[in-house]
Amino acid sequence: MHSYMGMGMGSDPMERLVKLASESAVVIFSVSSCCMCHAVKRLFCGMGVNPAVYELDQDPRGKELERALMRLLGNSQAVPVVFIGGKLIGSMDRVMASHINGTLVPLLKEAGALWL
């Protein structure tokens, strides 16, 4: 039986994305020159969270991951994309909205990224 989207093959960008996203409590897919990416990294660091950051522009297969992220989000703005506890939170606007409405800290605690 042929599996859909190359499951079982480590070369599938979506599979690689899911694997990377679940390896740390907080994962940020970023581009090193992007100011929104910088801002989201500063936000988490300022909260005492040490996110795993994947700079797509420094990854030889970063373009593939970026396309997979765009498919996942359903939009053309690929970065920054944040995962907490292996779950997709979304881009900067989603992160800021959850920070403002008070749902970000509980998510971080639940994922083991924050102990306060």
PDB file of N, CA and C in Angstrom:
ATOM      1  N   MET A   1       0.836  -1.191   0.000  1.00  0.00           N
ATOM      2  CA  MET A   1       0.000   0.000   0.000  1.00  0.00           C
ATOM      3  C   MET A   1       0.876   1.249   0.000  1.00  0.00           C
ATOM      4  N   HIS A   2       0.584   2.151  -0.871  1.00  0.00           N
ATOM      5  CA  HIS A   2       1.372   3.385  -0.979  1.00  0.00           C
ATOM      6  C   HIS A   2       0.844   4.428  -0.003  1.00  0.00           C
ATOM      7  N   SER A   3       1.727   4.950   0.832  1.00  0.00           N
ATOM      8  CA  SER A   3       1.275   5.927   1.827  1.00  0.00           C
ATOM      9  C   SER A   3       1.285   7.338   1.251  1.00  0.00           C
ATOM     10  N   TYR A   4       0.315   8.136   1.677  1.00  0.00           N
ATOM     11  CA  TYR A   4       0.135   9.502   1.208  1.00  0.00           C
ATOM     12  C   TYR A   4       1.221  10.429   1.755  1.00  0.00           C
ATOM     13  N   MET A   5       1.680  11.358   0.952  1.00  0.00           N
ATOM     14  CA  MET A   5       2.676  12.383   1.330  1.00  0.00           C
ATOM     15  C   MET A   5       4.009  11.796   1.770  1.00  0.00           C
ATOM     16  N   GLY A   6       4.354  10.620   1.279  1.00  0.00           N
ATOM     17  CA  GLY A   6       5.676  10.070   1.554  1.00  0.00           C
ATOM     18  C   GLY A   6       5.929   9.746   3.007  1.00  0.00           C
ATOM     19  N   MET A   7       4.896   9.371   3.753  1.00  0.00           N
ATOM     20  CA  MET A   7       5.102   9.008   5.159  1.00  0.00           C
ATOM     21  C   MET A   7       6.097   7.847   5.225  1.00  0.00           C
ATOM     22  N   GLY A   8       6.913   7.878   6.230  1.00  0.00           N
ATOM     23  CA  GLY A   8       7.919   6.837   6.359  1.00  0.00           C
ATOM     24  C   GLY A   8       9.209   7.208   5.649  1.00  0.00           C
ATOM     25  N   MET A   9       9.152   8.273   4.858  1.00  0.00           N
ATOM     26  CA  MET A   9      10.360   8.739   4.168  1.00  0.00           C
ATOM     27  C   MET A   9      10.832  10.008   4.868  1.00  0.00           C
ATOM     28  N   GLY A  10      12.025   9.977   5.396  1.00  0.00           N
ATOM     29  CA  GLY A  10      12.557  11.101   6.148  1.00  0.00           C
ATOM     30  C   GLY A  10      12.766  12.360   5.334  1.00  0.00           C
ATOM     31  N   SER A  11      12.581  12.259   4.020  1.00  0.00           N
ATOM     32  CA  SER A  11      12.845  13.410   3.158  1.00  0.00           C
ATOM     33  C   SER A  11      11.626  14.314   3.004  1.00  0.00           C
ATOM     34  N   ASP A  12      10.464  13.900   3.508  1.00  0.00           N
ATOM     35  CA  ASP A  12       9.262  14.710   3.372  1.00  0.00           C
ATOM     36  C   ASP A  12       9.366  15.949   4.271  1.00  0.00           C
ATOM     37  N   PRO A  13       9.275  17.164   3.690  1.00  0.00           N
ATOM     38  CA  PRO A  13       9.446  18.372   4.500  1.00  0.00           C
ATOM     39  C   PRO A  13       8.398  18.499   5.614  1.00  0.00           C
ATOM     40  N   MET A  14       7.150  18.097   5.344  1.00  0.00           N
ATOM     41  CA  MET A  14       6.103  18.205   6.362  1.00  0.00           C
ATOM     42  C   MET A  14       6.416  17.290   7.542  1.00  0.00           C
ATOM     43  N   GLU A  15       6.906  16.094   7.238  1.00  0.00           N
ATOM     44  CA  GLU A  15       7.279  15.132   8.283  1.00  0.00           C
ATOM     45  C   GLU A  15       8.440  15.678   9.115  1.00  0.00           C
ATOM     46  N   ARG A  16       9.409  16.272   8.433  1.00  0.00           N
ATOM     47  CA  ARG A  16      10.576  16.848   9.108  1.00  0.00           C
ATOM     48  C   ARG A  16      10.145  18.016  10.002  1.00  0.00           C
ATOM     49  N   LEU A  17       9.214  18.814   9.495  1.00  0.00           N
ATOM     50  CA  LEU A  17       8.671  19.948  10.231  1.00  0.00           C
ATOM     51  C   LEU A  17       8.029  19.489  11.537  1.00  0.00           C
ATOM     52  N   VAL A  18       7.170  18.472  11.439  1.00  0.00           N
ATOM     53  CA  VAL A  18       6.469  17.944  12.608  1.00  0.00           C
ATOM     54  C   VAL A  18       7.471  17.396  13.627  1.00  0.00           C
ATOM     55  N   LYS A  19       8.506  16.713  13.137  1.00  0.00           N
ATOM     56  CA  LYS A  19       9.527  16.141  14.018  1.00  0.00           C
ATOM     57  C   LYS A  19      10.278  17.267  14.749  1.00  0.00           C
ATOM     58  N   LEU A  20      10.745  18.264  14.011  1.00  0.00           N
ATOM     59  CA  LEU A  20      11.470  19.387  14.616  1.00  0.00           C
ATOM     60  C   LEU A  20      10.582  20.140  15.611  1.00  0.00           C
ATOM     61  N   ALA A  21       9.323  20.333  15.241  1.00  0.00           N
ATOM     62  CA  ALA A  21       8.392  21.102  16.067  1.00  0.00           C
ATOM     63  C   ALA A  21       8.099  20.433  17.403  1.00  0.00           C
ATOM     64  N   SER A  22       8.266  19.109  17.463  1.00  0.00           N
ATOM     65  CA  SER A  22       7.931  18.403  18.699  1.00  0.00           C
ATOM     66  C   SER A  22       9.158  18.070  19.545  1.00  0.00           C
ATOM     67  N   GLU A  23      10.348  18.479  19.099  1.00  0.00           N
ATOM     68  CA  GLU A  23      11.574  18.125  19.825  1.00  0.00           C
ATOM     69  C   GLU A  23      11.860  19.030  21.017  1.00  0.00           C
ATOM     70  N   SER A  24      11.264  20.217  21.056  1.00  0.00           N
ATOM     71  CA  SER A  24      11.466  21.148  22.168  1.00  0.00           C
ATOM     72  C   SER A  24      10.124  21.702  22.617  1.00  0.00           C
ATOM     73  N   ALA A  25      10.090  22.227  23.849  1.00  0.00           N
ATOM     74  CA  ALA A  25       8.847  22.788  24.390  1.00  0.00           C
ATOM     75  C   ALA A  25       8.362  23.965  23.540  1.00  0.00           C
ATOM     76  N   VAL A  26       9.299  24.812  23.118  1.00  0.00           N
ATOM     77  CA  VAL A  26       8.958  25.948  22.252  1.00  0.00           C
ATOM     78  C   VAL A  26       9.895  25.928  21.056  1.00  0.00           C
ATOM     79  N   VAL A  27       9.307  25.931  19.863  1.00  0.00           N
ATOM     80  CA  VAL A  27      10.082  25.910  18.628  1.00  0.00           C
ATOM     81  C   VAL A  27       9.642  27.080  17.762  1.00  0.00           C
ATOM     82  N   ILE A  28      10.631  27.827  17.281  1.00  0.00           N
ATOM     83  CA  ILE A  28      10.353  28.951  16.391  1.00  0.00           C
ATOM     84  C   ILE A  28      11.060  28.709  15.060  1.00  0.00           C
ATOM     85  N   PHE A  29      10.283  28.730  13.984  1.00  0.00           N
ATOM     86  CA  PHE A  29      10.870  28.699  12.647  1.00  0.00           C
ATOM     87  C   PHE A  29      10.993  30.142  12.220  1.00  0.00           C
ATOM     88  N   SER A  30      12.210  30.524  11.817  1.00  0.00           N
ATOM     89  CA  SER A  30      12.558  31.930  11.655  1.00  0.00           C
ATOM     90  C   SER A  30      13.424  32.133  10.419  1.00  0.00           C
ATOM     91  N   VAL A  31      13.603  33.384  10.045  1.00  0.00           N
ATOM     92  CA  VAL A  31      14.601  33.786   9.054  1.00  0.00           C
ATOM     93  C   VAL A  31      15.441  34.846   9.754  1.00  0.00           C
ATOM     94  N   SER A  32      16.747  34.677   9.755  1.00  0.00           N
ATOM     95  CA  SER A  32      17.623  35.509  10.588  1.00  0.00           C
ATOM     96  C   SER A  32      17.503  37.011  10.330  1.00  0.00           C
ATOM     97  N   SER A  33      17.107  37.408   9.118  1.00  0.00           N
ATOM     98  CA  SER A  33      17.016  38.841   8.804  1.00  0.00           C
ATOM     99  C   SER A  33      15.627  39.433   9.046  1.00  0.00           C
ATOM    100  N   CYS A  34      14.676  38.608   9.512  1.00  0.00           N
ATOM    101  CA  CYS A  34      13.277  39.048   9.660  1.00  0.00           C
ATOM    102  C   CYS A  34      13.052  39.736  11.006  1.00  0.00           C
ATOM    103  N   CYS A  35      12.546  40.983  10.984  1.00  0.00           N
ATOM    104  CA  CYS A  35      12.360  41.732  12.235  1.00  0.00           C
ATOM    105  C   CYS A  35      11.237  41.147  13.094  1.00  0.00           C
ATOM    106  N   MET A  36      10.186  40.585  12.469  1.00  0.00           N
ATOM    107  CA  MET A  36       9.113  39.944  13.225  1.00  0.00           C
ATOM    108  C   MET A  36       9.643  38.702  13.945  1.00  0.00           C
ATOM    109  N   CYS A  37      10.535  37.978  13.290  1.00  0.00           N
ATOM    110  CA  CYS A  37      11.150  36.794  13.896  1.00  0.00           C
ATOM    111  C   CYS A  37      11.973  37.215  15.111  1.00  0.00           C
ATOM    112  N   HIS A  38      12.726  38.291  14.943  1.00  0.00           N
ATOM    113  CA  HIS A  38      13.550  38.815  16.038  1.00  0.00           C
ATOM    114  C   HIS A  38      12.659  39.201  17.217  1.00  0.00           C
ATOM    115  N   ALA A  39      11.544  39.863  16.918  1.00  0.00           N
ATOM    116  CA  ALA A  39      10.624  40.312  17.967  1.00  0.00           C
ATOM    117  C   ALA A  39      10.018  39.140  18.731  1.00  0.00           C
ATOM    118  N   VAL A  40       9.644  38.079  18.036  1.00  0.00           N
ATOM    119  CA  VAL A  40       9.023  36.936  18.702  1.00  0.00           C
ATOM    120  C   VAL A  40      10.063  36.183  19.554  1.00  0.00           C
ATOM    121  N   LYS A  41      11.302  36.130  19.075  1.00  0.00           N
ATOM    122  CA  LYS A  41      12.381  35.501  19.867  1.00  0.00           C
ATOM    123  C   LYS A  41      12.629  36.305  21.142  1.00  0.00           C
ATOM    124  N   ARG A  42      12.657  37.643  21.021  1.00  0.00           N
ATOM    125  CA  ARG A  42      12.854  38.522  22.180  1.00  0.00           C
ATOM    126  C   ARG A  42      11.722  38.359  23.186  1.00  0.00           C
ATOM    127  N   LEU A  43      10.489  38.231  22.684  1.00  0.00           N
ATOM    128  CA  LEU A  43       9.328  38.051  23.560  1.00  0.00           C
ATOM    129  C   LEU A  43       9.522  36.818  24.444  1.00  0.00           C
ATOM    130  N   PHE A  44       9.849  35.685  23.821  1.00  0.00           N
ATOM    131  CA  PHE A  44      10.011  34.449  24.593  1.00  0.00           C
ATOM    132  C   PHE A  44      11.214  34.519  25.534  1.00  0.00           C
ATOM    133  N   CYS A  45      12.325  35.045  25.047  1.00  0.00           N
ATOM    134  CA  CYS A  45      13.520  35.166  25.896  1.00  0.00           C
ATOM    135  C   CYS A  45      13.245  36.091  27.074  1.00  0.00           C
ATOM    136  N   GLY A  46      12.500  37.162  26.832  1.00  0.00           N
ATOM    137  CA  GLY A  46      12.131  38.104  27.888  1.00  0.00           C
ATOM    138  C   GLY A  46      11.238  37.477  28.949  1.00  0.00           C
ATOM    139  N   MET A  47      10.522  36.423  28.575  1.00  0.00           N
ATOM    140  CA  MET A  47       9.654  35.706  29.514  1.00  0.00           C
ATOM    141  C   MET A  47      10.420  34.608  30.260  1.00  0.00           C
ATOM    142  N   GLY A  48      11.676  34.428  29.882  1.00  0.00           N
ATOM    143  CA  GLY A  48      12.485  33.390  30.519  1.00  0.00           C
ATOM    144  C   GLY A  48      12.378  32.045  29.822  1.00  0.00           C
ATOM    145  N   VAL A  49      11.863  32.039  28.612  1.00  0.00           N
ATOM    146  CA  VAL A  49      11.729  30.814  27.824  1.00  0.00           C
ATOM    147  C   VAL A  49      12.916  30.730  26.876  1.00  0.00           C
ATOM    148  N   ASN A  50      13.460  29.533  26.753  1.00  0.00           N
ATOM    149  CA  ASN A  50      14.596  29.339  25.859  1.00  0.00           C
ATOM    150  C   ASN A  50      14.141  28.508  24.653  1.00  0.00           C
ATOM    151  N   PRO A  51      13.608  29.168  23.607  1.00  0.00           N
ATOM    152  CA  PRO A  51      13.062  28.419  22.478  1.00  0.00           C
ATOM    153  C   PRO A  51      14.140  27.796  21.595  1.00  0.00           C
ATOM    154  N   ALA A  52      13.789  26.692  20.940  1.00  0.00           N
ATOM    155  CA  ALA A  52      14.642  26.148  19.882  1.00  0.00           C
ATOM    156  C   ALA A  52      14.303  26.969  18.644  1.00  0.00           C
ATOM    157  N   VAL A  53      15.324  27.544  18.017  1.00  0.00           N
ATOM    158  CA  VAL A  53      15.095  28.401  16.851  1.00  0.00           C
ATOM    159  C   VAL A  53      15.736  27.762  15.626  1.00  0.00           C
ATOM    160  N   TYR A  54      14.943  27.599  14.586  1.00  0.00           N
ATOM    161  CA  TYR A  54      15.452  27.090  13.309  1.00  0.00           C
ATOM    162  C   TYR A  54      15.437  28.225  12.309  1.00  0.00           C
ATOM    163  N   GLU A  55      16.640  28.676  11.928  1.00  0.00           N
ATOM    164  CA  GLU A  55      16.774  29.755  10.944  1.00  0.00           C
ATOM    165  C   GLU A  55      16.708  29.132   9.552  1.00  0.00           C
ATOM    166  N   LEU A  56      15.599  29.320   8.872  1.00  0.00           N
ATOM    167  CA  LEU A  56      15.368  28.668   7.589  1.00  0.00           C
ATOM    168  C   LEU A  56      16.351  29.110   6.515  1.00  0.00           C
ATOM    169  N   ASP A  57      16.830  30.370   6.626  1.00  0.00           N
ATOM    170  CA  ASP A  57      17.787  30.870   5.628  1.00  0.00           C
ATOM    171  C   ASP A  57      19.178  30.284   5.822  1.00  0.00           C
ATOM    172  N   GLN A  58      19.403  29.598   6.947  1.00  0.00           N
ATOM    173  CA  GLN A  58      20.713  28.989   7.195  1.00  0.00           C
ATOM    174  C   GLN A  58      20.654  27.461   7.080  1.00  0.00           C
ATOM    175  N   ASP A  59      19.498  26.939   6.672  1.00  0.00           N
ATOM    176  CA  ASP A  59      19.307  25.507   6.522  1.00  0.00           C
ATOM    177  C   ASP A  59      19.336  25.188   5.032  1.00  0.00           C
ATOM    178  N   PRO A  60      20.158  24.215   4.612  1.00  0.00           N
ATOM    179  CA  PRO A  60      20.212  23.891   3.179  1.00  0.00           C
ATOM    180  C   PRO A  60      18.848  23.462   2.621  1.00  0.00           C
ATOM    181  N   ARG A  61      17.974  22.943   3.483  1.00  0.00           N
ATOM    182  CA  ARG A  61      16.635  22.549   3.027  1.00  0.00           C
ATOM    183  C   ARG A  61      15.562  23.480   3.606  1.00  0.00           C
ATOM    184  N   GLY A  62      15.986  24.685   3.971  1.00  0.00           N
ATOM    185  CA  GLY A  62      15.084  25.658   4.570  1.00  0.00           C
ATOM    186  C   GLY A  62      13.932  26.071   3.687  1.00  0.00           C
ATOM    187  N   LYS A  63      14.179  26.174   2.377  1.00  0.00           N
ATOM    188  CA  LYS A  63      13.120  26.570   1.431  1.00  0.00           C
ATOM    189  C   LYS A  63      11.981  25.553   1.437  1.00  0.00           C
ATOM    190  N   GLU A  64      12.324  24.259   1.506  1.00  0.00           N
ATOM    191  CA  GLU A  64      11.318  23.187   1.561  1.00  0.00           C
ATOM    192  C   GLU A  64      10.478  23.342   2.832  1.00  0.00           C
ATOM    193  N   LEU A  65      11.166  23.587   3.959  1.00  0.00           N
ATOM    194  CA  LEU A  65      10.460  23.759   5.229  1.00  0.00           C
ATOM    195  C   LEU A  65       9.556  24.981   5.185  1.00  0.00           C
ATOM    196  N   GLU A  66      10.047  26.046   4.549  1.00  0.00           N
ATOM    197  CA  GLU A  66       9.266  27.278   4.444  1.00  0.00           C
ATOM    198  C   GLU A  66       7.990  27.030   3.641  1.00  0.00           C
ATOM    199  N   ARG A  67       8.098  26.269   2.555  1.00  0.00           N
ATOM    200  CA  ARG A  67       6.911  25.936   1.755  1.00  0.00           C
ATOM    201  C   ARG A  67       5.941  25.080   2.563  1.00  0.00           C
ATOM    202  N   ALA A  68       6.468  24.143   3.351  1.00  0.00           N
ATOM    203  CA  ALA A  68       5.619  23.288   4.198  1.00  0.00           C
ATOM    204  C   ALA A  68       4.898  24.132   5.248  1.00  0.00           C
ATOM    205  N   LEU A  69       5.598  25.123   5.818  1.00  0.00           N
ATOM    206  CA  LEU A  69       4.990  26.027   6.806  1.00  0.00           C
ATOM    207  C   LEU A  69       3.861  26.840   6.171  1.00  0.00           C
ATOM    208  N   MET A  70       4.089  27.311   4.939  1.00  0.00           N
ATOM    209  CA  MET A  70       3.069  28.103   4.247  1.00  0.00           C
ATOM    210  C   MET A  70       1.832  27.246   3.991  1.00  0.00           C
ATOM    211  N   ARG A  71       2.051  25.967   3.630  1.00  0.00           N
ATOM    212  CA  ARG A  71       0.921  25.042   3.429  1.00  0.00           C
ATOM    213  C   ARG A  71       0.159  24.839   4.739  1.00  0.00           C
ATOM    214  N   LEU A  72       0.918  24.671   5.812  1.00  0.00           N
ATOM    215  CA  LEU A  72       0.338  24.424   7.132  1.00  0.00           C
ATOM    216  C   LEU A  72      -0.508  25.615   7.601  1.00  0.00           C
ATOM    217  N   LEU A  73       0.008  26.812   7.384  1.00  0.00           N
ATOM    218  CA  LEU A  73      -0.674  28.030   7.832  1.00  0.00           C
ATOM    219  C   LEU A  73      -1.730  28.505   6.842  1.00  0.00           C
ATOM    220  N   GLY A  74      -1.605  28.062   5.600  1.00  0.00           N
ATOM    221  CA  GLY A  74      -2.536  28.496   4.572  1.00  0.00           C
ATOM    222  C   GLY A  74      -2.368  29.950   4.185  1.00  0.00           C
ATOM    223  N   ASN A  75      -1.140  30.464   4.322  1.00  0.00           N
ATOM    224  CA  ASN A  75      -0.899  31.841   3.871  1.00  0.00           C
ATOM    225  C   ASN A  75       0.498  31.994   3.303  1.00  0.00           C
ATOM    226  N   SER A  76       0.790  33.172   2.781  1.00  0.00           N
ATOM    227  CA  SER A  76       2.067  33.379   2.108  1.00  0.00           C
ATOM    228  C   SER A  76       3.163  33.883   3.044  1.00  0.00           C
ATOM    229  N   GLN A  77       2.764  34.355   4.217  1.00  0.00           N
ATOM    230  CA  GLN A  77       3.758  34.820   5.194  1.00  0.00           C
ATOM    231  C   GLN A  77       4.201  33.622   6.024  1.00  0.00           C
ATOM    232  N   ALA A  78       5.386  33.104   5.735  1.00  0.00           N
ATOM    233  CA  ALA A  78       5.802  31.852   6.357  1.00  0.00           C
ATOM    234  C   ALA A  78       6.382  32.019   7.761  1.00  0.00           C
ATOM    235  N   VAL A  79       7.107  33.086   7.995  1.00  0.00           N
ATOM    236  CA  VAL A  79       7.800  33.194   9.285  1.00  0.00           C
ATOM    237  C   VAL A  79       7.425  34.482  10.017  1.00  0.00           C
ATOM    238  N   PRO A  80       7.568  34.538  11.327  1.00  0.00           N
ATOM    239  CA  PRO A  80       7.922  33.434  12.211  1.00  0.00           C
ATOM    240  C   PRO A  80       6.727  32.509  12.446  1.00  0.00           C
ATOM    241  N   VAL A  81       7.026  31.243  12.703  1.00  0.00           N
ATOM    242  CA  VAL A  81       5.988  30.285  13.062  1.00  0.00           C
ATOM    243  C   VAL A  81       6.394  29.652  14.384  1.00  0.00           C
ATOM    244  N   VAL A  82       5.456  29.645  15.325  1.00  0.00           N
ATOM    245  CA  VAL A  82       5.740  29.159  16.671  1.00  0.00           C
ATOM    246  C   VAL A  82       4.937  27.894  16.971  1.00  0.00           C
ATOM    247  N   PHE A  83       5.634  26.912  17.543  1.00  0.00           N
ATOM    248  CA  PHE A  83       5.008  25.697  18.051  1.00  0.00           C
ATOM    249  C   PHE A  83       5.285  25.649  19.546  1.00  0.00           C
ATOM    250  N   ILE A  84       4.279  25.330  20.336  1.00  0.00           N
ATOM    251  CA  ILE A  84       4.457  25.159  21.780  1.00  0.00           C
ATOM    252  C   ILE A  84       3.928  23.779  22.142  1.00  0.00           C
ATOM    253  N   GLY A  85       4.772  22.984  22.772  1.00  0.00           N
ATOM    254  CA  GLY A  85       4.379  21.628  23.128  1.00  0.00           C
ATOM    255  C   GLY A  85       4.038  20.792  21.910  1.00  0.00           C
ATOM    256  N   GLY A  86       4.709  21.066  20.787  1.00  0.00           N
ATOM    257  CA  GLY A  86       4.473  20.329  19.553  1.00  0.00           C
ATOM    258  C   GLY A  86       3.226  20.763  18.804  1.00  0.00           C
ATOM    259  N   LYS A  87       2.485  21.722  19.356  1.00  0.00           N
ATOM    260  CA  LYS A  87       1.253  22.195  18.706  1.00  0.00           C
ATOM    261  C   LYS A  87       1.504  23.522  18.003  1.00  0.00           C
ATOM    262  N   LEU A  88       0.944  23.643  16.819  1.00  0.00           N
ATOM    263  CA  LEU A  88       1.083  24.878  16.048  1.00  0.00           C
ATOM    264  C   LEU A  88       0.312  26.004  16.725  1.00  0.00           C
ATOM    265  N   ILE A  89       1.017  27.076  17.076  1.00  0.00           N
ATOM    266  CA  ILE A  89       0.367  28.271  17.615  1.00  0.00           C
ATOM    267  C   ILE A  89       0.092  29.221  16.457  1.00  0.00           C
ATOM    268  N   GLY A  90       1.085  29.400  15.621  1.00  0.00           N
ATOM    269  CA  GLY A  90       0.916  30.234  14.437  1.00  0.00           C
ATOM    270  C   GLY A  90       1.997  31.284  14.314  1.00  0.00           C
ATOM    271  N   SER A  91       1.677  32.340  13.586  1.00  0.00           N
ATOM    272  CA  SER A  91       2.667  33.385  13.342  1.00  0.00           C
ATOM    273  C   SER A  91       2.568  34.470  14.410  1.00  0.00           C
ATOM    274  N   MET A  92       3.266  35.558  14.199  1.00  0.00           N
ATOM    275  CA  MET A  92       3.408  36.631  15.185  1.00  0.00           C
ATOM    276  C   MET A  92       2.058  37.130  15.728  1.00  0.00           C
ATOM    277  N   ASP A  93       1.076  37.324  14.846  1.00  0.00           N
ATOM    278  CA  ASP A  93      -0.223  37.852  15.296  1.00  0.00           C
ATOM    279  C   ASP A  93      -0.916  36.901  16.271  1.00  0.00           C
ATOM    280  N   ARG A  94      -0.832  35.597  16.019  1.00  0.00           N
ATOM    281  CA  ARG A  94      -1.453  34.602  16.910  1.00  0.00           C
ATOM    282  C   ARG A  94      -0.737  34.561  18.268  1.00  0.00           C
ATOM    283  N   VAL A  95       0.590  34.650  18.219  1.00  0.00           N
ATOM    284  CA  VAL A  95       1.380  34.630  19.457  1.00  0.00           C
ATOM    285  C   VAL A  95       1.050  35.860  20.305  1.00  0.00           C
ATOM    286  N   MET A  96       1.026  37.024  19.660  1.00  0.00           N
ATOM    287  CA  MET A  96       0.727  38.263  20.390  1.00  0.00           C
ATOM    288  C   MET A  96      -0.700  38.253  20.940  1.00  0.00           C
ATOM    289  N   ALA A  97      -1.651  37.742  20.162  1.00  0.00           N
ATOM    290  CA  ALA A  97      -3.043  37.671  20.621  1.00  0.00           C
ATOM    291  C   ALA A  97      -3.139  36.786  21.858  1.00  0.00           C
ATOM    292  N   SER A  98      -2.460  35.644  21.854  1.00  0.00           N
ATOM    293  CA  SER A  98      -2.529  34.760  23.021  1.00  0.00           C
ATOM    294  C   SER A  98      -1.757  35.340  24.207  1.00  0.00           C
ATOM    295  N   HIS A  99      -0.723  36.138  23.922  1.00  0.00           N
ATOM    296  CA  HIS A  99       0.019  36.807  24.991  1.00  0.00           C
ATOM    297  C   HIS A  99      -0.892  37.861  25.654  1.00  0.00           C
ATOM    298  N   ILE A 100      -1.592  38.627  24.834  1.00  0.00           N
ATOM    299  CA  ILE A 100      -2.460  39.689  25.335  1.00  0.00           C
ATOM    300  C   ILE A 100      -3.669  39.126  26.085  1.00  0.00           C
ATOM    301  N   ASN A 101      -4.270  38.050  25.561  1.00  0.00           N
ATOM    302  CA  ASN A 101      -5.474  37.525  26.230  1.00  0.00           C
ATOM    303  C   ASN A 101      -5.166  36.564  27.380  1.00  0.00           C
ATOM    304  N   GLY A 102      -3.876  36.369  27.667  1.00  0.00           N
ATOM    305  CA  GLY A 102      -3.495  35.592  28.844  1.00  0.00           C
ATOM    306  C   GLY A 102      -3.407  34.084  28.659  1.00  0.00           C
ATOM    307  N   THR A 103      -3.514  33.610  27.424  1.00  0.00           N
ATOM    308  CA  THR A 103      -3.456  32.157  27.207  1.00  0.00           C
ATOM    309  C   THR A 103      -2.040  31.642  26.903  1.00  0.00           C
ATOM    310  N   LEU A 104      -1.100  32.552  26.631  1.00  0.00           N
ATOM    311  CA  LEU A 104       0.251  32.126  26.270  1.00  0.00           C
ATOM    312  C   LEU A 104       0.998  31.500  27.446  1.00  0.00           C
ATOM    313  N   VAL A 105       0.967  32.142  28.615  1.00  0.00           N
ATOM    314  CA  VAL A 105       1.695  31.634  29.792  1.00  0.00           C
ATOM    315  C   VAL A 105       1.217  30.235  30.202  1.00  0.00           C
ATOM    316  N   PRO A 106      -0.117  29.996  30.298  1.00  0.00           N
ATOM    317  CA  PRO A 106      -0.560  28.633  30.615  1.00  0.00           C
ATOM    318  C   PRO A 106      -0.085  27.589  29.597  1.00  0.00           C
ATOM    319  N   LEU A 107      -0.077  27.967  28.313  1.00  0.00           N
ATOM    320  CA  LEU A 107       0.422  27.059  27.265  1.00  0.00           C
ATOM    321  C   LEU A 107       1.890  26.723  27.505  1.00  0.00           C
ATOM    322  N   LEU A 108       2.668  27.745  27.849  1.00  0.00           N
ATOM    323  CA  LEU A 108       4.101  27.566  28.096  1.00  0.00           C
ATOM    324  C   LEU A 108       4.339  26.701  29.326  1.00  0.00           C
ATOM    325  N   LYS A 109       3.542  26.900  30.356  1.00  0.00           N
ATOM    326  CA  LYS A 109       3.667  26.082  31.578  1.00  0.00           C
ATOM    327  C   LYS A 109       3.326  24.627  31.296  1.00  0.00           C
ATOM    328  N   GLU A 110       2.231  24.428  30.556  1.00  0.00           N
ATOM    329  CA  GLU A 110       1.771  23.087  30.199  1.00  0.00           C
ATOM    330  C   GLU A 110       2.830  22.334  29.396  1.00  0.00           C
ATOM    331  N   ALA A 111       3.541  23.063  28.533  1.00  0.00           N
ATOM    332  CA  ALA A 111       4.568  22.456  27.682  1.00  0.00           C
ATOM    333  C   ALA A 111       5.884  22.255  28.438  1.00  0.00           C
ATOM    334  N   GLY A 112       5.971  22.791  29.658  1.00  0.00           N
ATOM    335  CA  GLY A 112       7.199  22.654  30.438  1.00  0.00           C
ATOM    336  C   GLY A 112       8.266  23.668  30.051  1.00  0.00           C
ATOM    337  N   ALA A 113       7.859  24.754  29.400  1.00  0.00           N
ATOM    338  CA  ALA A 113       8.810  25.783  28.972  1.00  0.00           C
ATOM    339  C   ALA A 113       8.940  26.880  30.021  1.00  0.00           C
ATOM    340  N   LEU A 114       8.005  26.904  30.966  1.00  0.00           N
ATOM    341  CA  LEU A 114       7.960  27.969  31.959  1.00  0.00           C
ATOM    342  C   LEU A 114       7.514  27.366  33.289  1.00  0.00           C
ATOM    343  N   TRP A 115       8.199  27.736  34.356  1.00  0.00           N
ATOM    344  CA  TRP A 115       7.890  27.127  35.658  1.00  0.00           C
ATOM    345  C   TRP A 115       7.286  28.103  36.651  1.00  0.00           C
ATOM    346  N   LEU A 116       7.263  29.376  36.308  1.00  0.00           N
ATOM    347  CA  LEU A 116       6.770  30.397  37.252  1.00  0.00           C
ATOM    348  C   LEU A 116       5.258  30.382  37.402  1.00  0.00           C
TER     349      LEU A 116
END
